Amino acid sequence: MFGRSRGIASTFACAGAKVTVLDISEKMLDKDRKIAKEEHLDIRIEKGNMCDLSRFSDGSFDYVLNPTSLMYVPDVKPVFKECYRVLKNGGVFIMMAPSPINYLCDYISDENGGYYKAVNRMPYCSTGHDSTSDWVEYGHTMEDYLGGQIKCGFVIDGYMECQLENITELYFLTRAVKRCCQNEK
């Protein structure tokens, strides 16, 4: 499990899975440590960047779950490439991400209550829009999300969308399988 786990790790550990959490945020890792300690769960917790999984050997995992966190990396392709590498043949990669529509539109206030207007181009980077923040958020294209997984060798066999109350808050989830290469069978 790489990226912001938000307690998901404990759910899998309770179900009997051998769980590894990797996150760059010490604050998020502390939350996982706290839950693991309180619930007496054996969870391997490591600080690191999801773009570099070199600490894990090829074919280390049956599943890789990437909760909504890809908006914090400028390029999703290295993440997909690394996830593909660390998965066993037939392993499953599940990722959730914000739809590009989340970054295309801004809310414009007016006398009628306001509206959404497409004002940004994709791919999107927040640095030019909010200089008060110490983090950068990236909006990726569907071509990067879906095409990036396919280019790495994944076979996408599941897709779901979830729209929140705000009309432009649309998230999607993909389920992809690492296909077995002929010479690896």
N, C-alpha and C. Protein backbone atom coordinates (compact mmCIF):
# COMPACT_ATOMS: atom_id res chain seq x y z
N MET A 1 0.86 -1.16 0.00
CA MET A 1 0.00 0.00 0.00
C MET A 1 0.90 1.22 0.00
N PHE A 2 0.77 2.06 -1.01
CA PHE A 2 1.64 3.21 -1.14
C PHE A 2 0.78 4.46 -1.24
N GLY A 3 1.15 5.48 -0.50
CA GLY A 3 0.41 6.73 -0.52
C GLY A 3 -0.43 6.87 0.74
N ARG A 4 -1.33 7.75 0.73
CA ARG A 4 -2.12 8.10 1.90
C ARG A 4 -3.09 6.98 2.25
N SER A 5 -2.81 6.26 3.32
CA SER A 5 -3.60 5.06 3.62
C SER A 5 -4.86 5.34 4.42
N ARG A 6 -4.88 6.36 5.25
CA ARG A 6 -6.07 6.77 6.01
C ARG A 6 -6.77 5.60 6.70
N GLY A 7 -6.01 4.75 7.35
CA GLY A 7 -6.61 3.67 8.11
C GLY A 7 -6.97 2.44 7.31
N ILE A 8 -6.78 2.46 6.00
CA ILE A 8 -7.11 1.32 5.17
C ILE A 8 -6.22 0.14 5.52
N ALA A 9 -4.97 0.43 5.87
CA ALA A 9 -4.01 -0.62 6.21
C ALA A 9 -4.53 -1.48 7.36
N SER A 10 -5.11 -0.85 8.37
CA SER A 10 -5.60 -1.60 9.52
C SER A 10 -6.76 -2.52 9.14
N THR A 11 -7.58 -2.09 8.21
CA THR A 11 -8.69 -2.93 7.75
C THR A 11 -8.16 -4.22 7.12
N PHE A 12 -7.17 -4.08 6.26
CA PHE A 12 -6.58 -5.26 5.62
C PHE A 12 -5.85 -6.14 6.63
N ALA A 13 -5.14 -5.52 7.56
CA ALA A 13 -4.44 -6.29 8.59
C ALA A 13 -5.42 -7.06 9.45
N CYS A 14 -6.56 -6.46 9.79
CA CYS A 14 -7.59 -7.15 10.57
C CYS A 14 -8.15 -8.35 9.81
N ALA A 15 -8.14 -8.25 8.49
CA ALA A 15 -8.66 -9.36 7.66
C ALA A 15 -7.60 -10.44 7.45
N GLY A 16 -6.42 -10.25 8.04
CA GLY A 16 -5.38 -11.27 7.96
C GLY A 16 -4.31 -11.04 6.92
N ALA A 17 -4.36 -9.93 6.23
CA ALA A 17 -3.35 -9.65 5.20
C ALA A 17 -2.04 -9.21 5.85
N LYS A 18 -0.95 -9.55 5.20
CA LYS A 18 0.36 -9.06 5.59
C LYS A 18 0.50 -7.70 4.91
N VAL A 19 0.56 -6.62 5.69
CA VAL A 19 0.43 -5.26 5.15
C VAL A 19 1.73 -4.47 5.31
N THR A 20 2.09 -3.78 4.24
CA THR A 20 3.19 -2.81 4.26
C THR A 20 2.62 -1.47 3.84
N VAL A 21 2.92 -0.44 4.61
CA VAL A 21 2.49 0.92 4.28
C VAL A 21 3.73 1.73 3.97
N LEU A 22 3.69 2.47 2.88
CA LEU A 22 4.76 3.39 2.53
C LEU A 22 4.13 4.74 2.30
N ASP A 23 4.64 5.76 2.97
CA ASP A 23 4.13 7.11 2.79
C ASP A 23 5.27 8.08 3.02
N ILE A 24 5.22 9.21 2.36
CA ILE A 24 6.25 10.23 2.53
C ILE A 24 5.94 11.12 3.73
N SER A 25 4.69 11.09 4.18
CA SER A 25 4.24 11.95 5.28
C SER A 25 4.39 11.25 6.63
N GLU A 26 5.22 11.79 7.47
CA GLU A 26 5.40 11.24 8.81
C GLU A 26 4.10 11.34 9.60
N LYS A 27 3.35 12.38 9.35
CA LYS A 27 2.06 12.56 10.05
C LYS A 27 1.09 11.42 9.72
N MET A 28 1.02 11.04 8.45
CA MET A 28 0.15 9.94 8.06
C MET A 28 0.67 8.62 8.62
N LEU A 29 1.97 8.43 8.61
CA LEU A 29 2.55 7.20 9.16
C LEU A 29 2.30 7.10 10.66
N ASP A 30 2.35 8.22 11.36
CA ASP A 30 2.05 8.22 12.79
C ASP A 30 0.62 7.76 13.06
N LYS A 31 -0.30 8.15 12.20
CA LYS A 31 -1.69 7.69 12.34
C LYS A 31 -1.78 6.18 12.19
N ASP A 32 -1.06 5.64 11.21
CA ASP A 32 -1.05 4.19 11.01
C ASP A 32 -0.40 3.48 12.18
N ARG A 33 0.69 4.05 12.69
CA ARG A 33 1.37 3.46 13.86
C ARG A 33 0.43 3.42 15.06
N LYS A 34 -0.29 4.50 15.26
CA LYS A 34 -1.22 4.61 16.40
C LYS A 34 -2.31 3.54 16.31
N ILE A 35 -2.91 3.42 15.14
CA ILE A 35 -3.97 2.42 14.95
C ILE A 35 -3.41 1.01 15.13
N ALA A 36 -2.25 0.76 14.54
CA ALA A 36 -1.64 -0.56 14.65
C ALA A 36 -1.36 -0.92 16.11
N LYS A 37 -0.87 0.05 16.86
CA LYS A 37 -0.57 -0.20 18.28
C LYS A 37 -1.85 -0.43 19.07
N GLU A 38 -2.84 0.44 18.88
CA GLU A 38 -4.10 0.32 19.62
C GLU A 38 -4.81 -1.00 19.33
N GLU A 39 -4.74 -1.46 18.08
CA GLU A 39 -5.46 -2.66 17.67
C GLU A 39 -4.58 -3.92 17.67
N HIS A 40 -3.32 -3.75 18.10
CA HIS A 40 -2.36 -4.88 18.14
C HIS A 40 -2.22 -5.55 16.77
N LEU A 41 -1.98 -4.70 15.76
CA LEU A 41 -1.86 -5.19 14.39
C LEU A 41 -0.40 -5.17 13.96
N ASP A 42 -0.02 -6.17 13.21
CA ASP A 42 1.34 -6.26 12.68
C ASP A 42 1.35 -5.63 11.29
N ILE A 43 1.73 -4.36 11.24
CA ILE A 43 1.78 -3.62 9.97
C ILE A 43 3.20 -3.08 9.81
N ARG A 44 3.80 -3.37 8.68
CA ARG A 44 5.13 -2.84 8.36
C ARG A 44 4.92 -1.42 7.85
N ILE A 45 5.51 -0.45 8.55
CA ILE A 45 5.31 0.96 8.22
C ILE A 45 6.66 1.57 7.86
N GLU A 46 6.72 2.13 6.65
CA GLU A 46 7.97 2.70 6.15
C GLU A 46 7.74 4.07 5.53
N LYS A 47 8.72 4.95 5.78
CA LYS A 47 8.67 6.27 5.17
C LYS A 47 9.40 6.21 3.84
N GLY A 48 8.77 6.73 2.80
CA GLY A 48 9.40 6.74 1.49
C GLY A 48 8.50 7.33 0.43
N ASN A 49 9.05 7.44 -0.75
CA ASN A 49 8.36 8.05 -1.88
C ASN A 49 7.83 6.95 -2.80
N MET A 50 6.57 7.04 -3.19
CA MET A 50 5.96 6.01 -4.03
C MET A 50 6.56 5.96 -5.43
N CYS A 51 7.32 6.98 -5.81
CA CYS A 51 7.99 6.97 -7.11
C CYS A 51 9.24 6.10 -7.11
N ASP A 52 9.72 5.74 -5.91
CA ASP A 52 10.93 4.94 -5.79
C ASP A 52 10.67 3.80 -4.81
N LEU A 53 10.38 2.64 -5.35
CA LEU A 53 10.11 1.46 -4.53
C LEU A 53 11.30 0.50 -4.57
N SER A 54 12.49 1.03 -4.80
CA SER A 54 13.67 0.19 -4.96
C SER A 54 13.99 -0.62 -3.70
N ARG A 55 13.47 -0.26 -2.56
CA ARG A 55 13.70 -1.05 -1.34
C ARG A 55 12.96 -2.38 -1.38
N PHE A 56 12.01 -2.52 -2.31
CA PHE A 56 11.24 -3.75 -2.45
C PHE A 56 11.71 -4.50 -3.69
N SER A 57 11.87 -5.80 -3.55
CA SER A 57 12.34 -6.60 -4.69
C SER A 57 11.20 -6.85 -5.68
N ASP A 58 11.58 -7.25 -6.88
CA ASP A 58 10.61 -7.58 -7.92
C ASP A 58 9.66 -8.66 -7.40
N GLY A 59 8.39 -8.53 -7.72
CA GLY A 59 7.41 -9.55 -7.37
C GLY A 59 7.19 -9.74 -5.87
N SER A 60 7.30 -8.68 -5.10
CA SER A 60 7.16 -8.77 -3.63
C SER A 60 5.73 -8.83 -3.13
N PHE A 61 4.77 -8.32 -3.90
CA PHE A 61 3.41 -8.13 -3.39
C PHE A 61 2.35 -8.79 -4.27
N ASP A 62 1.30 -9.25 -3.64
CA ASP A 62 0.12 -9.75 -4.35
C ASP A 62 -0.81 -8.62 -4.76
N TYR A 63 -0.87 -7.60 -3.92
CA TYR A 63 -1.73 -6.44 -4.16
C TYR A 63 -0.95 -5.17 -3.86
N VAL A 64 -1.21 -4.14 -4.64
CA VAL A 64 -0.75 -2.80 -4.34
C VAL A 64 -1.98 -1.91 -4.40
N LEU A 65 -2.22 -1.21 -3.31
CA LEU A 65 -3.35 -0.29 -3.23
C LEU A 65 -2.80 1.12 -3.13
N ASN A 66 -3.21 1.97 -4.05
CA ASN A 66 -2.77 3.35 -4.04
C ASN A 66 -4.00 4.22 -3.83
N PRO A 67 -4.30 4.55 -2.56
CA PRO A 67 -5.42 5.46 -2.30
C PRO A 67 -5.12 6.83 -2.93
N THR A 68 -6.07 7.69 -2.95
CA THR A 68 -5.94 8.99 -3.58
C THR A 68 -4.68 9.70 -3.09
N SER A 69 -3.63 9.69 -3.91
CA SER A 69 -2.38 10.36 -3.55
C SER A 69 -1.58 10.76 -4.78
N LEU A 70 -1.99 10.32 -5.96
CA LEU A 70 -1.22 10.59 -7.16
C LEU A 70 -1.21 12.07 -7.56
N MET A 71 -2.07 12.86 -6.95
CA MET A 71 -2.08 14.28 -7.25
C MET A 71 -0.89 15.00 -6.62
N TYR A 72 -0.08 14.27 -5.87
CA TYR A 72 1.11 14.86 -5.25
C TYR A 72 2.39 14.51 -6.00
N VAL A 73 2.28 13.81 -7.12
CA VAL A 73 3.46 13.51 -7.93
C VAL A 73 3.28 14.15 -9.31
N PRO A 74 4.37 14.74 -9.84
CA PRO A 74 4.24 15.41 -11.13
C PRO A 74 4.03 14.48 -12.31
N ASP A 75 4.46 13.22 -12.17
CA ASP A 75 4.33 12.26 -13.26
C ASP A 75 3.93 10.91 -12.66
N VAL A 76 2.78 10.38 -13.08
CA VAL A 76 2.28 9.12 -12.51
C VAL A 76 2.98 7.89 -13.10
N LYS A 77 3.61 8.04 -14.25
CA LYS A 77 4.20 6.88 -14.91
C LYS A 77 5.27 6.16 -14.07
N PRO A 78 6.18 6.87 -13.40
CA PRO A 78 7.14 6.15 -12.55
C PRO A 78 6.48 5.36 -11.43
N VAL A 79 5.38 5.86 -10.90
CA VAL A 79 4.64 5.14 -9.85
C VAL A 79 4.08 3.84 -10.42
N PHE A 80 3.44 3.92 -11.57
CA PHE A 80 2.87 2.72 -12.20
C PHE A 80 3.95 1.71 -12.54
N LYS A 81 5.06 2.20 -13.06
CA LYS A 81 6.17 1.32 -13.43
C LYS A 81 6.70 0.57 -12.20
N GLU A 82 6.87 1.28 -11.09
CA GLU A 82 7.36 0.66 -9.87
C GLU A 82 6.33 -0.31 -9.28
N CYS A 83 5.06 0.07 -9.31
CA CYS A 83 4.02 -0.83 -8.80
C CYS A 83 3.97 -2.11 -9.62
N TYR A 84 4.09 -1.98 -10.94
CA TYR A 84 4.11 -3.15 -11.80
C TYR A 84 5.29 -4.06 -11.43
N ARG A 85 6.44 -3.46 -11.22
CA ARG A 85 7.65 -4.23 -10.91
C ARG A 85 7.52 -5.00 -9.60
N VAL A 86 6.98 -4.37 -8.56
CA VAL A 86 6.93 -5.04 -7.24
C VAL A 86 5.78 -6.02 -7.11
N LEU A 87 4.86 -6.02 -8.06
CA LEU A 87 3.75 -6.99 -8.02
C LEU A 87 4.19 -8.33 -8.57
N LYS A 88 3.64 -9.38 -7.99
CA LYS A 88 3.83 -10.73 -8.52
C LYS A 88 3.02 -10.84 -9.81
N ASN A 89 3.38 -11.79 -10.68
CA ASN A 89 2.57 -12.05 -11.87
C ASN A 89 1.15 -12.39 -11.42
N GLY A 90 0.18 -11.78 -12.04
CA GLY A 90 -1.21 -11.96 -11.64
C GLY A 90 -1.62 -11.07 -10.48
N GLY A 91 -0.67 -10.27 -9.96
CA GLY A 91 -0.97 -9.36 -8.86
C GLY A 91 -1.91 -8.24 -9.29
N VAL A 92 -2.56 -7.64 -8.31
CA VAL A 92 -3.59 -6.63 -8.58
C VAL A 92 -3.14 -5.27 -8.07
N PHE A 93 -3.31 -4.26 -8.93
CA PHE A 93 -3.02 -2.87 -8.60
C PHE A 93 -4.35 -2.12 -8.58
N ILE A 94 -4.66 -1.52 -7.44
CA ILE A 94 -5.89 -0.73 -7.31
C ILE A 94 -5.48 0.69 -6.99
N MET A 95 -5.96 1.62 -7.78
CA MET A 95 -5.66 3.03 -7.52
C MET A 95 -6.92 3.87 -7.61
N MET A 96 -6.94 4.92 -6.79
CA MET A 96 -8.03 5.88 -6.82
C MET A 96 -7.42 7.25 -7.04
N ALA A 97 -8.06 8.05 -7.86
CA ALA A 97 -7.52 9.37 -8.18
C ALA A 97 -8.65 10.34 -8.50
N PRO A 98 -8.37 11.63 -8.38
CA PRO A 98 -9.36 12.62 -8.79
C PRO A 98 -9.43 12.69 -10.31
N SER A 99 -10.62 12.82 -10.81
CA SER A 99 -10.82 12.98 -12.24
C SER A 99 -10.22 14.31 -12.70
N PRO A 100 -9.77 14.39 -13.94
CA PRO A 100 -9.26 15.67 -14.44
C PRO A 100 -10.26 16.82 -14.32
N ILE A 101 -11.54 16.53 -14.31
CA ILE A 101 -12.54 17.60 -14.18
C ILE A 101 -12.35 18.39 -12.89
N ASN A 102 -11.80 17.75 -11.86
CA ASN A 102 -11.55 18.44 -10.60
C ASN A 102 -10.60 19.62 -10.78
N TYR A 103 -9.74 19.54 -11.79
CA TYR A 103 -8.74 20.58 -12.00
C TYR A 103 -9.08 21.52 -13.15
N LEU A 104 -9.96 21.09 -14.03
CA LEU A 104 -10.33 21.92 -15.17
C LEU A 104 -11.14 23.15 -14.76
N CYS A 105 -12.01 22.97 -13.79
CA CYS A 105 -12.99 24.01 -13.44
C CYS A 105 -12.65 24.75 -12.16
N ASP A 106 -12.98 26.01 -12.13
CA ASP A 106 -12.93 26.83 -10.92
C ASP A 106 -14.34 27.34 -10.66
N TYR A 107 -14.62 27.58 -9.39
CA TYR A 107 -15.92 28.13 -9.02
C TYR A 107 -15.87 29.65 -9.17
N ILE A 108 -16.82 30.19 -9.89
CA ILE A 108 -16.92 31.62 -10.12
C ILE A 108 -18.15 32.13 -9.37
N SER A 109 -17.94 33.01 -8.40
CA SER A 109 -19.07 33.58 -7.65
C SER A 109 -19.70 34.69 -8.47
N ASP A 110 -21.02 34.74 -8.43
CA ASP A 110 -21.74 35.84 -9.05
C ASP A 110 -23.02 36.12 -8.26
N GLU A 111 -23.79 37.07 -8.70
CA GLU A 111 -25.01 37.47 -7.98
C GLU A 111 -26.07 36.36 -7.94
N ASN A 112 -25.98 35.37 -8.81
CA ASN A 112 -26.93 34.26 -8.84
C ASN A 112 -26.46 33.05 -8.03
N GLY A 113 -25.38 33.20 -7.30
CA GLY A 113 -24.90 32.10 -6.47
C GLY A 113 -23.63 31.45 -7.00
N GLY A 114 -23.31 31.68 -8.26
CA GLY A 114 -22.06 31.17 -8.80
C GLY A 114 -22.23 30.00 -9.75
N TYR A 115 -21.14 29.66 -10.39
CA TYR A 115 -21.14 28.57 -11.37
C TYR A 115 -19.70 28.06 -11.54
N TYR A 116 -19.58 26.92 -12.19
CA TYR A 116 -18.27 26.36 -12.49
C TYR A 116 -17.91 26.69 -13.93
N LYS A 117 -16.66 27.05 -14.11
CA LYS A 117 -16.19 27.40 -15.44
C LYS A 117 -14.87 26.69 -15.69
N ALA A 118 -14.74 26.11 -16.88
CA ALA A 118 -13.48 25.48 -17.26
C ALA A 118 -12.46 26.58 -17.52
N VAL A 119 -11.41 26.62 -16.71
CA VAL A 119 -10.41 27.68 -16.84
C VAL A 119 -8.97 27.16 -16.89
N ASN A 120 -8.76 25.90 -16.54
CA ASN A 120 -7.41 25.35 -16.49
C ASN A 120 -7.20 24.33 -17.60
N ARG A 121 -5.97 24.23 -18.03
CA ARG A 121 -5.59 23.20 -19.00
C ARG A 121 -5.00 22.01 -18.26
N MET A 122 -5.05 20.86 -18.92
CA MET A 122 -4.46 19.65 -18.36
C MET A 122 -3.20 19.33 -19.14
N PRO A 123 -2.19 18.78 -18.54
CA PRO A 123 -2.10 18.52 -17.11
C PRO A 123 -2.02 19.83 -16.32
N TYR A 124 -2.38 19.76 -15.07
CA TYR A 124 -2.52 20.93 -14.20
C TYR A 124 -1.46 20.90 -13.11
N CYS A 125 -0.98 22.08 -12.71
CA CYS A 125 -0.05 22.21 -11.59
C CYS A 125 -0.47 23.42 -10.78
N SER A 126 -0.61 23.25 -9.48
CA SER A 126 -1.14 24.31 -8.62
C SER A 126 -0.13 25.42 -8.32
N THR A 127 1.13 25.26 -8.63
CA THR A 127 2.13 26.23 -8.20
C THR A 127 1.87 27.64 -8.70
N GLY A 128 1.34 27.78 -9.88
CA GLY A 128 1.09 29.11 -10.41
C GLY A 128 -0.17 29.75 -9.86
N HIS A 129 -0.92 29.04 -9.03
CA HIS A 129 -2.22 29.53 -8.60
C HIS A 129 -2.32 29.81 -7.11
N ASP A 130 -1.44 29.23 -6.30
CA ASP A 130 -1.54 29.42 -4.86
C ASP A 130 -0.14 29.45 -4.25
N SER A 131 0.44 30.64 -4.19
CA SER A 131 1.81 30.76 -3.69
C SER A 131 1.89 30.70 -2.17
N THR A 132 0.75 30.66 -1.47
CA THR A 132 0.77 30.58 -0.01
C THR A 132 0.96 29.16 0.49
N SER A 133 0.81 28.19 -0.37
CA SER A 133 0.90 26.79 0.02
C SER A 133 2.32 26.27 -0.13
N ASP A 134 2.71 25.35 0.76
CA ASP A 134 4.05 24.77 0.67
C ASP A 134 4.04 23.43 -0.07
N TRP A 135 2.92 23.02 -0.61
CA TRP A 135 2.85 21.78 -1.38
C TRP A 135 2.30 22.09 -2.77
N VAL A 136 2.54 21.19 -3.66
CA VAL A 136 2.10 21.34 -5.05
C VAL A 136 1.13 20.21 -5.36
N GLU A 137 0.06 20.54 -6.05
CA GLU A 137 -0.92 19.53 -6.46
C GLU A 137 -0.94 19.48 -7.98
N TYR A 138 -1.00 18.25 -8.50
CA TYR A 138 -0.98 18.03 -9.94
C TYR A 138 -2.27 17.36 -10.38
N GLY A 139 -2.81 17.84 -11.47
CA GLY A 139 -3.95 17.19 -12.10
C GLY A 139 -3.45 16.47 -13.33
N HIS A 140 -3.70 15.18 -13.41
CA HIS A 140 -3.22 14.37 -14.53
C HIS A 140 -4.36 14.08 -15.50
N THR A 141 -3.99 13.73 -16.70
CA THR A 141 -4.99 13.41 -17.71
C THR A 141 -5.41 11.94 -17.58
N MET A 142 -6.55 11.61 -18.12
CA MET A 142 -6.99 10.21 -18.15
C MET A 142 -6.03 9.39 -19.00
N GLU A 143 -5.45 10.01 -20.02
CA GLU A 143 -4.45 9.32 -20.83
C GLU A 143 -3.27 8.89 -19.97
N ASP A 144 -2.84 9.78 -19.06
CA ASP A 144 -1.74 9.43 -18.16
C ASP A 144 -2.15 8.32 -17.19
N TYR A 145 -3.35 8.44 -16.62
CA TYR A 145 -3.81 7.44 -15.65
C TYR A 145 -4.02 6.06 -16.30
N LEU A 146 -4.87 6.03 -17.30
CA LEU A 146 -5.22 4.74 -17.92
C LEU A 146 -4.13 4.27 -18.88
N GLY A 147 -3.71 5.16 -19.75
CA GLY A 147 -2.66 4.81 -20.70
C GLY A 147 -1.35 4.47 -20.01
N GLY A 148 -1.06 5.15 -18.92
CA GLY A 148 0.17 4.88 -18.18
C GLY A 148 0.18 3.48 -17.59
N GLN A 149 -0.96 3.05 -17.07
CA GLN A 149 -1.04 1.69 -16.53
C GLN A 149 -0.91 0.66 -17.64
N ILE A 150 -1.60 0.89 -18.74
CA ILE A 150 -1.56 -0.05 -19.87
C ILE A 150 -0.15 -0.13 -20.44
N LYS A 151 0.51 1.01 -20.58
CA LYS A 151 1.87 1.03 -21.15
C LYS A 151 2.85 0.24 -20.29
N CYS A 152 2.62 0.21 -18.98
CA CYS A 152 3.49 -0.56 -18.08
C CYS A 152 3.24 -2.06 -18.18
N GLY A 153 2.13 -2.45 -18.79
CA GLY A 153 1.81 -3.87 -18.92
C GLY A 153 0.57 -4.30 -18.16
N PHE A 154 -0.02 -3.39 -17.41
CA PHE A 154 -1.24 -3.73 -16.68
C PHE A 154 -2.41 -3.96 -17.63
N VAL A 155 -3.29 -4.84 -17.24
CA VAL A 155 -4.57 -5.03 -17.92
C VAL A 155 -5.63 -4.48 -16.98
N ILE A 156 -6.27 -3.40 -17.38
CA ILE A 156 -7.30 -2.79 -16.54
C ILE A 156 -8.57 -3.60 -16.70
N ASP A 157 -9.04 -4.17 -15.59
CA ASP A 157 -10.26 -4.99 -15.67
C ASP A 157 -11.36 -4.48 -14.76
N GLY A 158 -11.20 -3.27 -14.24
CA GLY A 158 -12.25 -2.67 -13.43
C GLY A 158 -12.11 -1.16 -13.41
N TYR A 159 -13.26 -0.49 -13.43
CA TYR A 159 -13.29 0.97 -13.40
C TYR A 159 -14.57 1.40 -12.71
N MET A 160 -14.46 2.36 -11.80
CA MET A 160 -15.62 2.86 -11.07
C MET A 160 -15.45 4.36 -10.85
N GLU A 161 -16.54 5.09 -10.81
CA GLU A 161 -16.51 6.52 -10.51
C GLU A 161 -17.36 6.83 -9.30
N CYS A 162 -16.97 7.87 -8.59
CA CYS A 162 -17.70 8.32 -7.41
C CYS A 162 -17.75 9.84 -7.46
N GLN A 163 -18.95 10.39 -7.55
CA GLN A 163 -19.10 11.84 -7.57
C GLN A 163 -19.57 12.30 -6.20
N LEU A 164 -18.85 13.26 -5.64
CA LEU A 164 -19.23 13.82 -4.35
C LEU A 164 -20.29 14.88 -4.56
N GLU A 165 -20.70 15.52 -3.49
CA GLU A 165 -21.79 16.50 -3.58
C GLU A 165 -21.43 17.66 -4.51
N ASN A 166 -20.20 18.14 -4.42
CA ASN A 166 -19.73 19.19 -5.32
C ASN A 166 -19.63 18.57 -6.71
N ILE A 167 -20.27 19.15 -7.69
CA ILE A 167 -20.39 18.54 -9.01
C ILE A 167 -19.03 18.28 -9.67
N THR A 168 -18.00 19.06 -9.33
CA THR A 168 -16.70 18.83 -9.95
C THR A 168 -15.80 17.92 -9.11
N GLU A 169 -16.29 17.38 -8.02
CA GLU A 169 -15.50 16.45 -7.22
C GLU A 169 -15.83 15.02 -7.64
N LEU A 170 -15.18 14.62 -8.70
CA LEU A 170 -15.38 13.29 -9.27
C LEU A 170 -14.09 12.50 -9.10
N TYR A 171 -14.19 11.32 -8.54
CA TYR A 171 -13.04 10.45 -8.34
C TYR A 171 -13.29 9.15 -9.10
N PHE A 172 -12.22 8.47 -9.44
CA PHE A 172 -12.37 7.19 -10.11
C PHE A 172 -11.40 6.19 -9.51
N LEU A 173 -11.71 4.94 -9.72
CA LEU A 173 -10.91 3.84 -9.21
C LEU A 173 -10.68 2.86 -10.36
N THR A 174 -9.45 2.39 -10.47
CA THR A 174 -9.17 1.35 -11.46
C THR A 174 -8.65 0.11 -10.74
N ARG A 175 -8.94 -1.01 -11.31
CA ARG A 175 -8.37 -2.29 -10.87
C ARG A 175 -7.62 -2.83 -12.07
N ALA A 176 -6.32 -3.09 -11.88
CA ALA A 176 -5.50 -3.56 -12.98
C ALA A 176 -4.70 -4.77 -12.53
N VAL A 177 -4.45 -5.68 -13.46
CA VAL A 177 -3.74 -6.91 -13.16
C VAL A 177 -2.41 -6.92 -13.91
N LYS A 178 -1.38 -7.38 -13.21
CA LYS A 178 -0.09 -7.56 -13.87
C LYS A 178 -0.17 -8.86 -14.66
N ARG A 179 -0.19 -8.72 -15.96
CA ARG A 179 -0.31 -9.92 -16.80
C ARG A 179 1.01 -10.66 -16.79
N CYS A 180 0.90 -11.95 -16.87
CA CYS A 180 2.09 -12.82 -16.89
C CYS A 180 2.70 -12.80 -18.27
N CYS A 181 3.98 -12.58 -18.33
CA CYS A 181 4.68 -12.63 -19.61
C CYS A 181 4.89 -14.09 -19.99
N GLN A 182 4.94 -14.37 -21.28
CA GLN A 182 5.10 -15.75 -21.77
C GLN A 182 6.33 -16.42 -21.17
N ASN A 183 7.46 -15.70 -21.10
CA ASN A 183 8.69 -16.32 -20.61
C ASN A 183 8.77 -16.33 -19.08
N GLU A 184 7.77 -15.77 -18.38
CA GLU A 184 7.77 -15.76 -16.91
C GLU A 184 6.83 -16.80 -16.34
N LYS A 185 6.06 -17.50 -17.17
CA LYS A 185 5.08 -18.46 -16.68
C LYS A 185 5.74 -19.68 -16.09
